[in-house]
Amino acid sequence: MFILNEQILSSQLNSPTIIRLFSTSLRTMSTEYNVIIYDLPNADRSKVRAQHVADIPQHVPNPIRSAGAIYHDEAKTKFAGSAFHLVANSKEEVIEFLKKDIYYREGVWDINNVVINPLGVAVRLPKKMDKVDSELYKI
């Protein structure tokens, strides 16, 4: 059986190792997804927001590449939901990750209407977050 292992490391994007195994039975690759998940109507994320934010650094850079709130208004006073760029092997894996978040567990997110699309990033600039390893920001 012929197997070719190819490892691609991208220090600029802090990408995970991408391993391609070519054989008659196995091929594994990760995909980056753009994820939009809206809050349920009248959900109050403020009760668990501190825990949600505290949990983010442990998931950077895998699976989280970027994350943030989305808003109903330009003044950013009324939350609409959350946006992520996540690395995963499938959309199902993205959903599994979201279901572990306190916003899902406490009934804030509308998981039934999550939007998940494969993403091809052309450019990415860093924005630092407290408690995320500073080595991840080096280019």
Protein backbone atom coordinates (compact mmCIF):
# COMPACT_ATOMS: atom_id res chain seq x y z
CA MET A 1 0.00 0.00 0.00
CA PHE A 2 1.30 3.46 -0.95
CA ILE A 3 0.94 6.24 1.65
CA LEU A 4 2.22 9.78 1.21
CA ASN A 5 2.38 11.99 4.30
CA GLU A 6 2.49 15.73 3.55
CA GLN A 7 2.73 18.20 6.43
CA ILE A 8 2.17 21.87 5.74
CA LEU A 9 2.95 24.32 8.52
CA SER A 10 2.00 27.96 8.18
CA SER A 11 3.58 30.07 10.90
CA GLN A 12 2.00 33.23 9.49
CA LEU A 13 -1.52 32.02 10.10
CA ASN A 14 -0.72 29.67 12.97
CA SER A 15 -2.49 26.95 11.02
CA PRO A 16 -2.74 23.47 12.47
CA THR A 17 -0.68 20.81 10.82
CA ILE A 18 -2.57 19.60 7.81
CA ILE A 19 -1.87 15.95 7.13
CA ARG A 20 -2.93 14.33 3.91
CA LEU A 21 -2.86 10.57 3.86
CA PHE A 22 -3.39 9.12 0.41
CA SER A 23 -4.32 5.47 0.36
CA THR A 24 -7.24 3.37 -0.65
CA SER A 25 -8.99 4.05 2.64
CA LEU A 26 -7.98 7.29 4.36
CA ARG A 27 -7.75 11.01 3.61
CA THR A 28 -7.89 13.57 6.42
CA MET A 29 -7.88 17.37 6.09
CA SER A 30 -9.22 20.23 8.20
CA THR A 31 -11.34 23.02 6.77
CA GLU A 32 -11.84 26.53 8.08
CA TYR A 33 -15.51 27.46 8.45
CA ASN A 34 -17.28 30.79 8.77
CA VAL A 35 -19.93 30.31 11.45
CA ILE A 36 -22.81 32.65 12.29
CA ILE A 37 -25.01 31.64 15.20
CA TYR A 38 -27.83 33.94 16.26
CA ASP A 39 -29.22 34.32 19.76
CA LEU A 40 -32.73 33.06 20.43
CA PRO A 41 -35.35 35.81 20.71
CA ASN A 42 -35.26 37.46 24.14
CA ALA A 43 -32.20 35.46 25.23
CA ASP A 44 -30.12 37.19 27.91
CA ARG A 45 -26.47 36.34 27.28
CA SER A 46 -25.30 38.78 29.99
CA LYS A 47 -25.85 36.17 32.72
CA VAL A 48 -23.20 33.82 31.28
CA ARG A 49 -21.13 36.14 29.07
CA ALA A 50 -18.15 36.27 31.45
CA GLN A 51 -17.87 32.47 31.40
CA HIS A 52 -18.24 32.37 27.60
CA VAL A 53 -15.43 34.92 27.13
CA ALA A 54 -13.22 33.18 29.72
CA ASP A 55 -13.53 29.88 27.82
CA ILE A 56 -12.36 31.28 24.45
CA PRO A 57 -8.53 31.40 24.96
CA GLN A 58 -8.22 27.65 25.57
CA HIS A 59 -9.63 27.04 22.07
CA VAL A 60 -7.26 29.40 20.20
CA PRO A 61 -5.94 28.62 17.60
CA ASN A 62 -7.71 25.26 17.39
CA PRO A 63 -10.52 25.27 16.61
CA ILE A 64 -11.03 29.04 17.03
CA ARG A 65 -9.21 31.28 14.54
CA SER A 66 -11.40 34.31 15.20
CA ALA A 67 -14.48 34.96 17.29
CA GLY A 68 -16.70 37.85 18.24
CA ALA A 69 -20.18 39.11 18.87
CA ILE A 70 -22.54 40.28 16.16
CA TYR A 71 -24.98 43.11 16.83
CA HIS A 72 -28.36 44.38 15.72
CA ASP A 73 -27.17 48.00 15.69
CA GLU A 74 -24.17 50.03 14.58
CA ALA A 75 -23.66 51.33 18.13
CA LYS A 76 -23.12 47.72 19.27
CA THR A 77 -25.59 47.94 22.12
CA LYS A 78 -27.86 44.97 21.29
CA PHE A 79 -26.36 41.51 20.71
CA ALA A 80 -27.62 39.51 17.74
CA GLY A 81 -25.39 36.44 18.11
CA SER A 82 -21.84 35.26 17.56
CA ALA A 83 -19.45 34.85 14.63
CA PHE A 84 -16.52 32.45 14.39
CA HIS A 85 -13.87 31.22 12.04
CA LEU A 86 -13.36 27.62 13.17
CA VAL A 87 -11.08 24.84 11.95
CA ALA A 88 -12.79 21.45 11.86
CA ASN A 89 -13.04 18.25 9.85
CA SER A 90 -16.76 18.67 9.17
CA LYS A 91 -19.82 20.83 9.80
CA GLU A 92 -20.91 18.23 12.35
CA GLU A 93 -17.68 18.80 14.27
CA VAL A 94 -18.41 22.55 14.27
CA ILE A 95 -21.85 21.88 15.77
CA GLU A 96 -20.32 19.57 18.41
CA PHE A 97 -17.95 22.40 19.40
CA LEU A 98 -20.78 24.95 19.60
CA LYS A 99 -22.86 22.63 21.79
CA LYS A 100 -20.09 22.63 24.41
CA ASP A 101 -20.31 26.42 24.80
CA ILE A 102 -22.20 27.90 27.76
CA TYR A 103 -24.30 30.02 25.38
CA TYR A 104 -25.73 26.84 23.88
CA ARG A 105 -26.03 25.02 27.21
CA GLU A 106 -27.86 27.97 28.80
CA GLY A 107 -30.29 28.48 25.90
CA VAL A 108 -28.79 31.63 24.38
CA TRP A 109 -27.88 30.37 20.89
CA ASP A 110 -30.31 29.22 18.19
CA ILE A 111 -28.40 26.09 17.13
CA ASN A 112 -31.19 25.06 14.74
CA ASN A 113 -30.48 28.05 12.49
CA VAL A 114 -26.68 28.18 12.63
CA VAL A 115 -25.02 29.16 9.33
CA ILE A 116 -21.83 27.19 8.57
CA ASN A 117 -19.88 27.70 5.34
CA PRO A 118 -16.39 26.62 4.25
CA LEU A 119 -14.10 29.65 4.19
CA GLY A 120 -11.06 30.58 2.13
CA VAL A 121 -9.15 33.30 3.98
CA ALA A 122 -7.27 35.74 1.75
CA VAL A 123 -5.86 37.91 4.53
CA ARG A 124 -5.97 37.95 8.33
CA LEU A 125 -4.65 40.58 10.72
CA PRO A 126 -4.15 39.75 14.39
CA LYS A 127 -6.18 41.24 17.19
CA LYS A 128 -4.86 40.23 20.59
CA MET A 129 -7.01 38.80 23.37
CA ASP A 130 -5.99 38.51 27.02
CA LYS A 131 -4.93 35.02 28.09
CA VAL A 132 -4.15 33.85 24.53
CA ASP A 133 -0.52 32.74 24.12
CA SER A 134 1.40 35.71 22.69
CA GLU A 135 3.53 33.32 20.59
CA LEU A 136 0.48 32.72 18.40
CA TYR A 137 0.59 36.33 17.18
CA LYS A 138 4.14 36.21 15.85
CA ILE A 139 4.52 36.38 12.09
